[in-house]
Amino acid sequence: MNDALGRLSFLGYNGAANTRAARIQCVLIETGTVGAANMGGSLRFTITPIGSGTLGEVARFESATGLSMFGANTVIDANRNHQLRSYTLATLPTATAGLLIYCSDLGGGAGQLSADGTNWKRVTHGYETRGDADFTLQVLTNGEYQNNTATLTANRTTTLGVTTAYKGSRFRYRTSGLGAFTMAFVNGGGGGGTLITFPALTAKSAEFVYDGTNWQLMQDSII
């Protein structure tokens, strides 16, 4: 296994000797006994980065996993499905415009994020349930859809945070009746202030959108 079956090297003269700039290599990856019906191979492409003299793998082709890049990281699998690189909220890369990734711990359920050059934005919405407590909602950390079915035991406050908010971020909040207490929604941006207070004994919903500085109440309705 991992025996080189053949290679094509591209070399350049460095002033003293020839140095590899790139290489295409076929590697034996058969895990069973090698034979006429057991000759699994991997075609690998390695390139020397700028400012280096050492080859590094950039792509490989294998029958079982399709196309991988920079090691055993499947990009297009054997069924021609694209596989996004996976991150967590704590390990998100720089939001370079045009990037599309998978985030495994988004609030309300894992999903895709796209980058606009400044922020990571949800592609999926995410759904969560809330309870009898004060709470701060943060974009990405919490799902866009919030449903509170709890009976409150005191007047509660939901703060709409701005730490990871981007222009156009949205929360939709629904209650099925809060009991004898209220739910206030507070703007966590520079403007501060209460956006709306859901009254006691009333099922309501509201939609909030971030304008780049503050959260704005866009819509509210009695259910």
N, C-alpha and C. Protein backbone atom coordinates (compact mmCIF):
# COMPACT_ATOMS: atom_id res chain seq x y z
N MET A 1 0.84 -1.19 0.00
CA MET A 1 0.00 0.00 0.00
C MET A 1 0.87 1.24 0.00
N ASN A 2 0.45 2.29 -0.72
CA ASN A 2 1.17 3.55 -0.86
C ASN A 2 2.46 3.42 -1.67
N ASP A 3 2.63 2.30 -2.36
CA ASP A 3 3.77 2.17 -3.26
C ASP A 3 3.52 3.06 -4.49
N ALA A 4 4.55 3.76 -4.93
CA ALA A 4 4.45 4.57 -6.14
C ALA A 4 4.52 3.67 -7.36
N LEU A 5 3.52 3.72 -8.23
CA LEU A 5 3.46 2.88 -9.43
C LEU A 5 4.03 3.58 -10.65
N GLY A 6 4.14 4.89 -10.55
CA GLY A 6 4.69 5.66 -11.67
C GLY A 6 4.50 7.13 -11.40
N ARG A 7 5.36 7.96 -11.97
CA ARG A 7 5.26 9.39 -11.73
C ARG A 7 5.80 10.18 -12.91
N LEU A 8 5.27 11.37 -13.04
CA LEU A 8 5.74 12.32 -14.03
C LEU A 8 6.15 13.58 -13.28
N SER A 9 7.43 13.91 -13.33
CA SER A 9 7.94 15.05 -12.57
C SER A 9 8.28 16.21 -13.49
N PHE A 10 8.10 17.41 -12.97
CA PHE A 10 8.44 18.65 -13.67
C PHE A 10 9.49 19.37 -12.84
N LEU A 11 10.68 19.56 -13.41
CA LEU A 11 11.81 20.10 -12.66
C LEU A 11 12.29 21.41 -13.27
N GLY A 12 12.89 22.21 -12.40
CA GLY A 12 13.50 23.45 -12.85
C GLY A 12 14.88 23.60 -12.24
N TYR A 13 15.77 24.23 -12.97
CA TYR A 13 17.14 24.41 -12.49
C TYR A 13 17.18 25.56 -11.49
N ASN A 14 17.72 25.29 -10.28
CA ASN A 14 17.73 26.29 -9.22
C ASN A 14 19.06 27.03 -9.09
N GLY A 15 19.95 26.84 -10.06
CA GLY A 15 21.26 27.48 -10.02
C GLY A 15 22.36 26.51 -9.64
N ALA A 16 21.97 25.39 -9.02
CA ALA A 16 22.95 24.38 -8.62
C ALA A 16 22.51 22.98 -9.04
N ALA A 17 21.20 22.76 -9.03
CA ALA A 17 20.68 21.44 -9.37
C ALA A 17 19.24 21.60 -9.81
N ASN A 18 18.65 20.50 -10.26
CA ASN A 18 17.24 20.51 -10.64
C ASN A 18 16.36 20.27 -9.42
N THR A 19 15.29 21.05 -9.30
CA THR A 19 14.34 20.92 -8.20
C THR A 19 12.94 20.70 -8.76
N ARG A 20 12.20 19.79 -8.13
CA ARG A 20 10.84 19.51 -8.59
C ARG A 20 9.94 20.72 -8.34
N ALA A 21 9.18 21.11 -9.36
CA ALA A 21 8.18 22.16 -9.22
C ALA A 21 6.77 21.55 -9.13
N ALA A 22 6.60 20.36 -9.71
CA ALA A 22 5.30 19.68 -9.67
C ALA A 22 5.51 18.21 -10.01
N ARG A 23 4.50 17.39 -9.61
CA ARG A 23 4.60 15.95 -9.89
C ARG A 23 3.20 15.36 -9.97
N ILE A 24 3.00 14.47 -10.92
CA ILE A 24 1.80 13.65 -11.01
C ILE A 24 2.22 12.22 -10.70
N GLN A 25 1.56 11.59 -9.76
CA GLN A 25 2.00 10.27 -9.30
C GLN A 25 0.81 9.33 -9.10
N CYS A 26 0.98 8.09 -9.48
CA CYS A 26 -0.01 7.07 -9.19
C CYS A 26 0.47 6.24 -8.01
N VAL A 27 -0.38 6.11 -6.99
CA VAL A 27 -0.03 5.40 -5.77
C VAL A 27 -0.96 4.21 -5.58
N LEU A 28 -0.40 3.08 -5.20
CA LEU A 28 -1.20 1.89 -4.91
C LEU A 28 -1.87 2.05 -3.55
N ILE A 29 -3.22 1.95 -3.51
CA ILE A 29 -3.94 2.06 -2.23
C ILE A 29 -4.74 0.80 -1.92
N GLU A 30 -4.51 -0.26 -2.65
CA GLU A 30 -5.20 -1.53 -2.43
C GLU A 30 -4.96 -2.01 -1.00
N THR A 31 -6.05 -2.32 -0.28
CA THR A 31 -5.92 -2.79 1.11
C THR A 31 -5.90 -4.31 1.21
N GLY A 32 -6.34 -4.99 0.18
CA GLY A 32 -6.30 -6.45 0.19
C GLY A 32 -5.04 -6.96 -0.48
N THR A 33 -5.07 -8.23 -0.83
CA THR A 33 -3.93 -8.83 -1.54
C THR A 33 -3.91 -8.34 -2.97
N VAL A 34 -2.79 -7.79 -3.38
CA VAL A 34 -2.68 -7.25 -4.74
C VAL A 34 -2.77 -8.40 -5.74
N GLY A 35 -3.57 -8.19 -6.77
CA GLY A 35 -3.72 -9.21 -7.80
C GLY A 35 -4.39 -8.62 -9.01
N ALA A 36 -4.72 -9.48 -9.96
CA ALA A 36 -5.33 -9.02 -11.20
C ALA A 36 -6.63 -8.28 -10.96
N ALA A 37 -7.36 -8.67 -9.90
CA ALA A 37 -8.64 -8.03 -9.59
C ALA A 37 -8.53 -7.11 -8.39
N ASN A 38 -7.32 -6.84 -7.91
CA ASN A 38 -7.11 -5.98 -6.73
C ASN A 38 -5.91 -5.07 -6.99
N MET A 39 -6.18 -3.97 -7.67
CA MET A 39 -5.09 -3.06 -8.02
C MET A 39 -5.58 -1.61 -7.87
N GLY A 40 -6.18 -1.32 -6.70
CA GLY A 40 -6.71 0.01 -6.46
C GLY A 40 -5.62 1.07 -6.46
N GLY A 41 -5.84 2.13 -7.22
CA GLY A 41 -4.84 3.18 -7.31
C GLY A 41 -5.40 4.56 -7.00
N SER A 42 -4.51 5.48 -6.72
CA SER A 42 -4.85 6.87 -6.46
C SER A 42 -3.92 7.74 -7.31
N LEU A 43 -4.52 8.67 -8.05
CA LEU A 43 -3.74 9.59 -8.87
C LEU A 43 -3.61 10.90 -8.11
N ARG A 44 -2.36 11.31 -7.83
CA ARG A 44 -2.14 12.46 -6.95
C ARG A 44 -1.30 13.52 -7.63
N PHE A 45 -1.68 14.77 -7.40
CA PHE A 45 -1.02 15.92 -7.98
C PHE A 45 -0.37 16.74 -6.85
N THR A 46 0.93 16.93 -6.94
CA THR A 46 1.64 17.72 -5.95
C THR A 46 2.36 18.88 -6.64
N ILE A 47 2.37 20.03 -5.95
CA ILE A 47 2.93 21.25 -6.51
C ILE A 47 3.77 21.94 -5.43
N THR A 48 4.87 22.59 -5.84
CA THR A 48 5.69 23.37 -4.92
C THR A 48 5.12 24.78 -4.80
N PRO A 49 4.76 25.22 -3.58
CA PRO A 49 4.22 26.57 -3.42
C PRO A 49 5.27 27.64 -3.70
N ILE A 50 4.83 28.85 -3.96
CA ILE A 50 5.74 29.99 -4.13
C ILE A 50 6.53 30.17 -2.83
N GLY A 51 7.83 30.37 -2.96
CA GLY A 51 8.68 30.58 -1.79
C GLY A 51 9.08 29.32 -1.09
N SER A 52 8.88 28.17 -1.75
CA SER A 52 9.21 26.88 -1.13
C SER A 52 9.95 26.00 -2.13
N GLY A 53 10.62 24.98 -1.62
CA GLY A 53 11.26 23.99 -2.48
C GLY A 53 10.72 22.61 -2.22
N THR A 54 9.58 22.53 -1.50
CA THR A 54 9.02 21.24 -1.09
C THR A 54 7.66 21.02 -1.74
N LEU A 55 7.47 19.86 -2.33
CA LEU A 55 6.20 19.51 -2.93
C LEU A 55 5.11 19.35 -1.87
N GLY A 56 3.90 19.78 -2.21
CA GLY A 56 2.74 19.57 -1.35
C GLY A 56 1.55 19.13 -2.17
N GLU A 57 0.80 18.16 -1.67
CA GLU A 57 -0.34 17.64 -2.42
C GLU A 57 -1.45 18.66 -2.52
N VAL A 58 -2.00 18.84 -3.72
CA VAL A 58 -3.12 19.75 -3.92
C VAL A 58 -4.38 19.02 -4.37
N ALA A 59 -4.25 17.84 -4.99
CA ALA A 59 -5.44 17.13 -5.45
C ALA A 59 -5.14 15.65 -5.60
N ARG A 60 -6.20 14.84 -5.42
CA ARG A 60 -6.09 13.40 -5.67
C ARG A 60 -7.41 12.89 -6.23
N PHE A 61 -7.30 11.87 -7.06
CA PHE A 61 -8.48 11.21 -7.61
C PHE A 61 -8.47 9.75 -7.17
N GLU A 62 -9.59 9.29 -6.58
CA GLU A 62 -9.75 7.90 -6.20
C GLU A 62 -11.15 7.45 -6.55
N SER A 63 -11.30 6.19 -6.89
CA SER A 63 -12.59 5.69 -7.32
C SER A 63 -13.65 5.79 -6.23
N ALA A 64 -13.27 5.51 -4.97
CA ALA A 64 -14.25 5.47 -3.89
C ALA A 64 -14.66 6.86 -3.41
N THR A 65 -13.73 7.80 -3.43
CA THR A 65 -13.99 9.11 -2.84
C THR A 65 -14.06 10.24 -3.84
N GLY A 66 -13.78 9.99 -5.12
CA GLY A 66 -13.86 11.03 -6.13
C GLY A 66 -12.67 11.97 -6.07
N LEU A 67 -12.94 13.27 -6.09
CA LEU A 67 -11.89 14.30 -6.06
C LEU A 67 -11.71 14.82 -4.64
N SER A 68 -10.48 14.74 -4.14
CA SER A 68 -10.12 15.34 -2.86
C SER A 68 -9.06 16.40 -3.11
N MET A 69 -8.99 17.38 -2.19
CA MET A 69 -8.00 18.43 -2.33
C MET A 69 -7.24 18.63 -1.03
N PHE A 70 -5.92 18.84 -1.16
CA PHE A 70 -5.03 19.08 -0.02
C PHE A 70 -5.15 17.97 1.02
N GLY A 71 -4.99 16.73 0.55
CA GLY A 71 -5.08 15.56 1.40
C GLY A 71 -6.40 14.84 1.21
N ALA A 72 -6.77 14.00 2.18
CA ALA A 72 -7.98 13.18 2.07
C ALA A 72 -9.21 13.99 2.46
N ASN A 73 -9.48 15.06 1.73
CA ASN A 73 -10.61 15.94 1.99
C ASN A 73 -11.50 15.96 0.75
N THR A 74 -12.55 15.14 0.76
CA THR A 74 -13.41 14.99 -0.41
C THR A 74 -14.07 16.31 -0.77
N VAL A 75 -13.98 16.69 -2.04
CA VAL A 75 -14.62 17.90 -2.56
C VAL A 75 -15.80 17.53 -3.45
N ILE A 76 -15.61 16.54 -4.33
CA ILE A 76 -16.69 15.99 -5.14
C ILE A 76 -16.61 14.48 -5.01
N ASP A 77 -17.67 13.86 -4.47
CA ASP A 77 -17.58 12.44 -4.18
C ASP A 77 -17.88 11.59 -5.41
N ALA A 78 -17.91 10.29 -5.21
CA ALA A 78 -18.07 9.35 -6.33
C ALA A 78 -19.45 9.47 -6.98
N ASN A 79 -20.41 10.10 -6.29
CA ASN A 79 -21.74 10.32 -6.87
C ASN A 79 -21.89 11.71 -7.46
N ARG A 80 -20.75 12.43 -7.58
CA ARG A 80 -20.69 13.78 -8.15
C ARG A 80 -21.37 14.82 -7.26
N ASN A 81 -21.50 14.51 -5.98
CA ASN A 81 -22.04 15.48 -5.02
C ASN A 81 -20.92 16.34 -4.46
N HIS A 82 -21.15 17.64 -4.37
CA HIS A 82 -20.17 18.55 -3.78
C HIS A 82 -20.23 18.46 -2.26
N GLN A 83 -19.09 18.45 -1.63
CA GLN A 83 -19.01 18.37 -0.17
C GLN A 83 -18.28 19.60 0.36
N LEU A 84 -19.02 20.46 1.08
CA LEU A 84 -18.43 21.68 1.62
C LEU A 84 -17.54 21.37 2.81
N ARG A 85 -16.54 22.19 3.01
CA ARG A 85 -15.68 22.04 4.19
C ARG A 85 -16.47 22.41 5.43
N SER A 86 -16.28 21.66 6.50
CA SER A 86 -17.04 21.85 7.73
C SER A 86 -16.26 22.65 8.76
N TYR A 87 -16.95 23.60 9.39
CA TYR A 87 -16.39 24.42 10.47
C TYR A 87 -17.37 24.45 11.63
N THR A 88 -16.91 24.99 12.76
CA THR A 88 -17.79 25.35 13.87
C THR A 88 -17.81 26.87 13.97
N LEU A 89 -18.71 27.41 14.78
CA LEU A 89 -18.77 28.87 14.95
C LEU A 89 -17.44 29.42 15.47
N ALA A 90 -16.76 28.62 16.29
CA ALA A 90 -15.49 29.09 16.88
C ALA A 90 -14.33 29.05 15.89
N THR A 91 -14.49 28.31 14.79
CA THR A 91 -13.37 28.16 13.83
C THR A 91 -13.67 28.74 12.46
N LEU A 92 -14.70 29.59 12.34
CA LEU A 92 -15.04 30.15 11.04
C LEU A 92 -13.84 30.91 10.46
N PRO A 93 -13.56 30.71 9.16
CA PRO A 93 -12.45 31.44 8.53
C PRO A 93 -12.87 32.87 8.20
N THR A 94 -11.94 33.65 7.67
CA THR A 94 -12.25 35.00 7.22
C THR A 94 -13.34 34.95 6.16
N ALA A 95 -14.31 35.86 6.26
CA ALA A 95 -15.48 35.84 5.38
C ALA A 95 -15.16 36.43 4.01
N THR A 96 -14.24 35.80 3.29
CA THR A 96 -13.86 36.25 1.95
C THR A 96 -15.04 36.11 1.00
N ALA A 97 -15.35 37.15 0.27
CA ALA A 97 -16.53 37.17 -0.59
C ALA A 97 -16.57 35.96 -1.52
N GLY A 98 -17.73 35.32 -1.56
CA GLY A 98 -17.94 34.20 -2.47
C GLY A 98 -17.76 32.83 -1.85
N LEU A 99 -17.23 32.76 -0.62
CA LEU A 99 -17.03 31.46 0.01
C LEU A 99 -18.36 30.86 0.46
N LEU A 100 -18.45 29.55 0.41
CA LEU A 100 -19.61 28.80 0.88
C LEU A 100 -19.09 27.64 1.70
N ILE A 101 -19.53 27.54 2.96
CA ILE A 101 -19.05 26.51 3.87
C ILE A 101 -20.22 25.86 4.59
N TYR A 102 -19.90 24.81 5.36
CA TYR A 102 -20.88 24.13 6.21
C TYR A 102 -20.49 24.39 7.66
N CYS A 103 -21.47 24.78 8.48
CA CYS A 103 -21.22 25.03 9.91
C CYS A 103 -22.02 24.03 10.73
N SER A 104 -21.32 23.26 11.55
CA SER A 104 -21.94 22.12 12.23
C SER A 104 -22.71 22.49 13.49
N ASP A 105 -22.51 23.71 14.04
CA ASP A 105 -23.16 24.03 15.31
C ASP A 105 -23.95 25.34 15.26
N LEU A 106 -24.54 25.65 14.10
CA LEU A 106 -25.43 26.80 14.03
C LEU A 106 -26.61 26.61 14.95
N GLY A 107 -27.07 27.70 15.55
CA GLY A 107 -28.26 27.62 16.38
C GLY A 107 -29.47 27.21 15.56
N GLY A 108 -30.23 26.25 16.05
CA GLY A 108 -31.40 25.79 15.34
C GLY A 108 -31.14 24.73 14.31
N GLY A 109 -29.90 24.27 14.20
CA GLY A 109 -29.58 23.20 13.26
C GLY A 109 -28.45 23.55 12.33
N ALA A 110 -27.57 22.60 12.10
CA ALA A 110 -26.41 22.82 11.23
C ALA A 110 -26.85 23.18 9.82
N GLY A 111 -25.98 23.93 9.11
CA GLY A 111 -26.33 24.30 7.75
C GLY A 111 -25.22 25.08 7.07
N GLN A 112 -25.54 25.66 5.92
CA GLN A 112 -24.56 26.36 5.11
C GLN A 112 -24.48 27.84 5.49
N LEU A 113 -23.28 28.40 5.30
CA LEU A 113 -23.05 29.83 5.44
C LEU A 113 -22.39 30.34 4.17
N SER A 114 -22.74 31.55 3.75
CA SER A 114 -22.08 32.20 2.63
C SER A 114 -21.43 33.49 3.12
N ALA A 115 -20.35 33.90 2.46
CA ALA A 115 -19.61 35.08 2.87
C ALA A 115 -19.79 36.21 1.87
N ASP A 116 -19.95 37.45 2.38
CA ASP A 116 -20.12 38.61 1.50
C ASP A 116 -18.90 39.53 1.49
N GLY A 117 -17.81 39.07 2.08
CA GLY A 117 -16.61 39.87 2.17
C GLY A 117 -16.40 40.47 3.54
N THR A 118 -17.48 40.52 4.34
CA THR A 118 -17.41 41.05 5.70
C THR A 118 -18.01 40.08 6.71
N ASN A 119 -19.17 39.50 6.36
CA ASN A 119 -19.92 38.67 7.30
C ASN A 119 -20.21 37.30 6.72
N TRP A 120 -20.41 36.34 7.64
CA TRP A 120 -20.97 35.04 7.28
C TRP A 120 -22.48 35.12 7.41
N LYS A 121 -23.19 34.68 6.39
CA LYS A 121 -24.65 34.77 6.39
C LYS A 121 -25.27 33.38 6.26
N ARG A 122 -26.39 33.21 6.94
CA ARG A 122 -27.11 31.94 6.87
C ARG A 122 -27.67 31.70 5.46
N VAL A 123 -27.58 30.45 5.04
CA VAL A 123 -28.29 30.01 3.85
C VAL A 123 -29.57 29.30 4.28
N THR A 124 -29.51 28.58 5.40
CA THR A 124 -30.68 27.96 6.00
C THR A 124 -31.16 28.81 7.17
N HIS A 125 -32.35 28.54 7.69
CA HIS A 125 -32.95 29.43 8.69
C HIS A 125 -32.70 28.98 10.14
N GLY A 126 -32.95 27.75 10.46
CA GLY A 126 -32.79 27.27 11.82
C GLY A 126 -34.03 27.54 12.66
N TYR A 127 -34.40 26.57 13.50
CA TYR A 127 -35.60 26.65 14.33
C TYR A 127 -35.25 26.25 15.75
N GLU A 128 -35.73 27.04 16.73
CA GLU A 128 -35.49 26.73 18.13
C GLU A 128 -36.75 27.02 18.96
N THR A 129 -36.84 26.38 20.12
CA THR A 129 -37.90 26.70 21.07
C THR A 129 -37.30 27.41 22.27
N ARG A 130 -38.03 28.36 22.79
CA ARG A 130 -37.61 29.13 23.96
C ARG A 130 -38.49 28.77 25.15
N GLY A 131 -38.04 29.18 26.33
CA GLY A 131 -38.76 28.84 27.54
C GLY A 131 -39.02 30.04 28.44
N ASP A 132 -39.23 29.75 29.71
CA ASP A 132 -39.59 30.76 30.71
C ASP A 132 -38.32 31.38 31.28
N ALA A 133 -37.71 32.30 30.52
CA ALA A 133 -36.45 32.91 30.96
C ALA A 133 -36.14 34.13 30.12
N ASP A 134 -35.35 35.06 30.68
CA ASP A 134 -34.76 36.12 29.88
C ASP A 134 -33.72 35.49 28.95
N PHE A 135 -33.55 36.10 27.77
CA PHE A 135 -32.64 35.47 26.81
C PHE A 135 -32.10 36.52 25.85
N THR A 136 -30.86 36.30 25.37
CA THR A 136 -30.28 37.13 24.32
C THR A 136 -30.12 36.30 23.06
N LEU A 137 -30.74 36.75 21.99
CA LEU A 137 -30.62 36.07 20.71
C LEU A 137 -29.45 36.65 19.93
N GLN A 138 -28.59 35.77 19.37
CA GLN A 138 -27.47 36.19 18.55
C GLN A 138 -27.56 35.50 17.19
N VAL A 139 -27.33 36.26 16.14
CA VAL A 139 -27.33 35.70 14.78
C VAL A 139 -26.27 34.61 14.68
N LEU A 140 -26.59 33.53 13.97
CA LEU A 140 -25.79 32.32 13.80
C LEU A 140 -25.86 31.43 15.03
N THR A 141 -25.63 31.98 16.23
CA THR A 141 -25.71 31.17 17.44
C THR A 141 -27.13 30.67 17.66
N ASN A 142 -28.11 31.47 17.24
CA ASN A 142 -29.51 31.09 17.40
C ASN A 142 -30.22 31.04 16.05
N GLY A 143 -31.23 30.17 15.97
CA GLY A 143 -31.98 30.02 14.73
C GLY A 143 -32.83 31.24 14.44
N GLU A 144 -33.13 31.43 13.16
CA GLU A 144 -33.96 32.57 12.75
C GLU A 144 -35.37 32.46 13.29
N TYR A 145 -35.89 31.24 13.37
CA TYR A 145 -37.25 31.02 13.85
C TYR A 145 -37.23 30.63 15.32
N GLN A 146 -37.95 31.39 16.14
CA GLN A 146 -38.02 31.14 17.57
C GLN A 146 -39.48 30.93 17.96
N ASN A 147 -39.75 29.85 18.69
CA ASN A 147 -41.11 29.53 19.11
C ASN A 147 -41.15 29.33 20.62
N ASN A 148 -41.93 30.13 21.31
CA ASN A 148 -42.02 30.04 22.77
C ASN A 148 -43.41 29.55 23.17
N THR A 149 -43.46 28.35 23.71
CA THR A 149 -44.73 27.75 24.14
C THR A 149 -44.86 27.72 25.65
N ALA A 150 -43.90 28.35 26.35
CA ALA A 150 -43.88 28.29 27.82
C ALA A 150 -44.92 29.23 28.43
N THR A 151 -45.36 28.87 29.62
CA THR A 151 -46.16 29.77 30.46
C THR A 151 -45.20 30.51 31.38
N LEU A 152 -45.11 31.82 31.23
CA LEU A 152 -44.14 32.59 31.99
C LEU A 152 -44.54 32.71 33.46
N THR A 153 -43.53 32.77 34.31
CA THR A 153 -43.76 32.94 35.75
C THR A 153 -43.38 34.34 36.21
N ALA A 154 -42.92 35.18 35.27
CA ALA A 154 -42.57 36.58 35.55
C ALA A 154 -42.49 37.30 34.21
N ASN A 155 -42.50 38.63 34.23
CA ASN A 155 -42.27 39.39 33.01
C ASN A 155 -40.85 39.10 32.51
N ARG A 156 -40.71 38.78 31.22
CA ARG A 156 -39.42 38.38 30.67
C ARG A 156 -38.97 39.35 29.58
N THR A 157 -37.65 39.33 29.31
CA THR A 157 -37.06 40.18 28.28
C THR A 157 -36.21 39.35 27.33
N THR A 158 -36.42 39.56 26.04
CA THR A 158 -35.57 38.97 25.01
C THR A 158 -34.77 40.10 24.37
N THR A 159 -33.43 40.01 24.45
CA THR A 159 -32.55 41.02 23.86
C THR A 159 -32.06 40.53 22.51
N LEU A 160 -32.17 41.38 21.51
CA LEU A 160 -31.68 41.04 20.18
C LEU A 160 -30.25 41.55 20.07
N GLY A 161 -29.28 40.61 20.12
CA GLY A 161 -27.87 40.96 20.14
C GLY A 161 -27.35 41.39 18.77
N VAL A 162 -26.22 42.11 18.79
CA VAL A 162 -25.65 42.63 17.54
C VAL A 162 -24.24 42.10 17.26
N THR A 163 -23.72 41.24 18.14
CA THR A 163 -22.32 40.80 18.01
C THR A 163 -22.02 40.20 16.65
N THR A 164 -22.87 39.32 16.17
CA THR A 164 -22.65 38.67 14.88
C THR A 164 -23.72 39.05 13.85
N ALA A 165 -24.49 40.09 14.16
CA ALA A 165 -25.56 40.51 13.25
C ALA A 165 -24.98 41.21 12.02
N TYR A 166 -25.64 41.08 10.90
CA TYR A 166 -25.27 41.76 9.66
C TYR A 166 -26.53 42.38 9.07
N LYS A 167 -26.36 43.37 8.23
CA LYS A 167 -27.49 44.06 7.64
C LYS A 167 -28.39 43.07 6.91
N GLY A 168 -29.64 43.03 7.32
CA GLY A 168 -30.58 42.07 6.73
C GLY A 168 -30.81 40.84 7.59
N SER A 169 -30.07 40.69 8.69
CA SER A 169 -30.32 39.58 9.62
C SER A 169 -31.76 39.64 10.11
N ARG A 170 -32.31 38.49 10.44
CA ARG A 170 -33.72 38.46 10.80
C ARG A 170 -33.99 37.44 11.89
N PHE A 171 -34.90 37.79 12.79
CA PHE A 171 -35.47 36.85 13.75
C PHE A 171 -36.98 36.91 13.64
N ARG A 172 -37.60 35.76 13.69
CA ARG A 172 -39.06 35.67 13.74
C ARG A 172 -39.43 34.95 15.03
N TYR A 173 -40.19 35.62 15.86
CA TYR A 173 -40.49 35.11 17.20
C TYR A 173 -42.00 34.94 17.34
N ARG A 174 -42.39 33.78 17.88
CA ARG A 174 -43.81 33.45 18.04
C ARG A 174 -44.06 32.96 19.46
N THR A 175 -45.18 33.39 20.03
CA THR A 175 -45.61 32.85 21.33
C THR A 175 -47.02 32.29 21.17
N SER A 176 -47.31 31.28 21.96
CA SER A 176 -48.65 30.70 21.92
C SER A 176 -49.46 31.12 23.14
N GLY A 177 -49.05 32.21 23.77
CA GLY A 177 -49.74 32.68 24.97
C GLY A 177 -48.80 32.57 26.15
N LEU A 178 -48.50 33.71 26.79
CA LEU A 178 -47.46 33.74 27.81
C LEU A 178 -47.97 33.57 29.22
N GLY A 179 -49.23 33.29 29.38
CA GLY A 179 -49.79 33.26 30.73
C GLY A 179 -50.06 34.69 31.19
N ALA A 180 -49.87 34.93 32.49
CA ALA A 180 -50.23 36.23 33.07
C ALA A 180 -49.10 37.25 33.01
N PHE A 181 -48.06 36.97 32.20
CA PHE A 181 -46.91 37.87 32.17
C PHE A 181 -46.55 38.27 30.73
N THR A 182 -45.68 39.26 30.61
CA THR A 182 -45.34 39.85 29.31
C THR A 182 -43.95 39.43 28.84
N MET A 183 -43.71 39.65 27.54
CA MET A 183 -42.39 39.43 26.96
C MET A 183 -41.98 40.69 26.20
N ALA A 184 -40.93 41.36 26.69
CA ALA A 184 -40.42 42.57 26.04
C ALA A 184 -39.24 42.21 25.13
N PHE A 185 -39.16 42.87 23.98
CA PHE A 185 -38.07 42.66 23.03
C PHE A 185 -37.25 43.94 22.98
N VAL A 186 -35.96 43.81 23.35
CA VAL A 186 -35.08 44.96 23.50
C VAL A 186 -34.03 44.96 22.41
N ASN A 187 -33.78 46.13 21.83
CA ASN A 187 -32.76 46.31 20.81
C ASN A 187 -31.39 46.33 21.46
N GLY A 188 -30.51 45.39 21.09
CA GLY A 188 -29.18 45.34 21.66
C GLY A 188 -28.18 46.23 20.95
N GLY A 189 -28.63 46.99 19.93
CA GLY A 189 -27.73 47.87 19.18
C GLY A 189 -27.52 49.19 19.87
N GLY A 190 -26.84 50.10 19.17
CA GLY A 190 -26.51 51.39 19.75
C GLY A 190 -27.73 52.22 20.12
N GLY A 191 -28.85 51.99 19.41
CA GLY A 191 -30.07 52.74 19.71
C GLY A 191 -30.77 52.29 20.96
N GLY A 192 -30.58 51.01 21.32
CA GLY A 192 -31.21 50.48 22.52
C GLY A 192 -32.72 50.61 22.46
N GLY A 193 -33.35 50.42 23.60
CA GLY A 193 -34.79 50.62 23.69
C GLY A 193 -35.59 49.38 23.41
N THR A 194 -36.85 49.42 23.85
CA THR A 194 -37.77 48.31 23.67
C THR A 194 -38.48 48.44 22.32
N LEU A 195 -38.44 47.39 21.55
CA LEU A 195 -39.07 47.39 20.23
C LEU A 195 -40.56 47.09 20.32
N ILE A 196 -40.92 46.14 21.16
CA ILE A 196 -42.31 45.77 21.35
C ILE A 196 -42.41 44.93 22.61
N THR A 197 -43.55 44.96 23.24
CA THR A 197 -43.81 44.09 24.39
C THR A 197 -45.05 43.27 24.08
N PHE A 198 -44.89 41.95 24.11
CA PHE A 198 -46.04 41.08 23.94
C PHE A 198 -46.85 41.10 25.23
N PRO A 199 -48.15 41.40 25.15
CA PRO A 199 -48.95 41.45 26.37
C PRO A 199 -49.26 40.06 26.92
N ALA A 200 -49.67 40.04 28.17
CA ALA A 200 -50.07 38.77 28.81
C ALA A 200 -51.30 38.21 28.13
N LEU A 201 -51.41 36.89 28.20
CA LEU A 201 -52.60 36.17 27.74
C LEU A 201 -52.91 36.41 26.25
N THR A 202 -51.86 36.63 25.45
CA THR A 202 -52.06 36.90 24.03
C THR A 202 -51.04 36.12 23.21
N ALA A 203 -51.52 35.38 22.23
CA ALA A 203 -50.62 34.70 21.31
C ALA A 203 -50.23 35.67 20.20
N LYS A 204 -48.93 35.90 20.02
CA LYS A 204 -48.47 36.88 19.05
C LYS A 204 -47.24 36.38 18.31
N SER A 205 -46.94 37.06 17.21
CA SER A 205 -45.69 36.83 16.50
C SER A 205 -45.14 38.17 16.04
N ALA A 206 -43.82 38.23 15.84
CA ALA A 206 -43.19 39.46 15.37
C ALA A 206 -41.95 39.11 14.55
N GLU A 207 -41.62 39.99 13.63
CA GLU A 207 -40.43 39.83 12.81
C GLU A 207 -39.52 41.04 13.03
N PHE A 208 -38.22 40.76 13.26
CA PHE A 208 -37.24 41.80 13.51
C PHE A 208 -36.13 41.69 12.46
N VAL A 209 -35.69 42.83 11.93
CA VAL A 209 -34.62 42.86 10.92
C VAL A 209 -33.55 43.86 11.37
N TYR A 210 -32.29 43.48 11.19
CA TYR A 210 -31.17 44.33 11.58
C TYR A 210 -30.79 45.24 10.41
N ASP A 211 -30.69 46.56 10.68
CA ASP A 211 -30.43 47.53 9.61
C ASP A 211 -28.96 47.90 9.46
N GLY A 212 -28.10 47.21 10.17
CA GLY A 212 -26.68 47.49 10.15
C GLY A 212 -26.20 48.17 11.41
N THR A 213 -27.15 48.76 12.17
CA THR A 213 -26.83 49.41 13.44
C THR A 213 -27.74 48.94 14.55
N ASN A 214 -29.03 48.86 14.24
CA ASN A 214 -30.04 48.49 15.23
C ASN A 214 -31.03 47.49 14.65
N TRP A 215 -31.71 46.82 15.55
CA TRP A 215 -32.82 45.96 15.15
C TRP A 215 -34.06 46.80 14.98
N GLN A 216 -34.85 46.48 13.94
CA GLN A 216 -36.08 47.17 13.67
C GLN A 216 -37.24 46.18 13.70
N LEU A 217 -38.37 46.62 14.28
CA LEU A 217 -39.58 45.81 14.24
C LEU A 217 -40.22 46.00 12.87
N MET A 218 -40.33 44.91 12.13
CA MET A 218 -40.87 45.00 10.78
C MET A 218 -42.35 44.60 10.71
N GLN A 219 -42.73 43.72 11.62
CA GLN A 219 -44.10 43.22 11.55
C GLN A 219 -44.48 42.58 12.87
N ASP A 220 -45.72 42.80 13.32
CA ASP A 220 -46.22 42.04 14.47
C ASP A 220 -47.69 41.75 14.25
N SER A 221 -48.15 40.66 14.79
CA SER A 221 -49.54 40.26 14.58
C SER A 221 -50.02 39.38 15.72
N ILE A 222 -51.30 39.45 15.96
CA ILE A 222 -51.94 38.56 16.91
C ILE A 222 -52.30 37.27 16.20
N ILE A 223 -51.97 36.15 16.81
CA ILE A 223 -52.21 34.85 16.19
C ILE A 223 -53.61 34.36 16.54
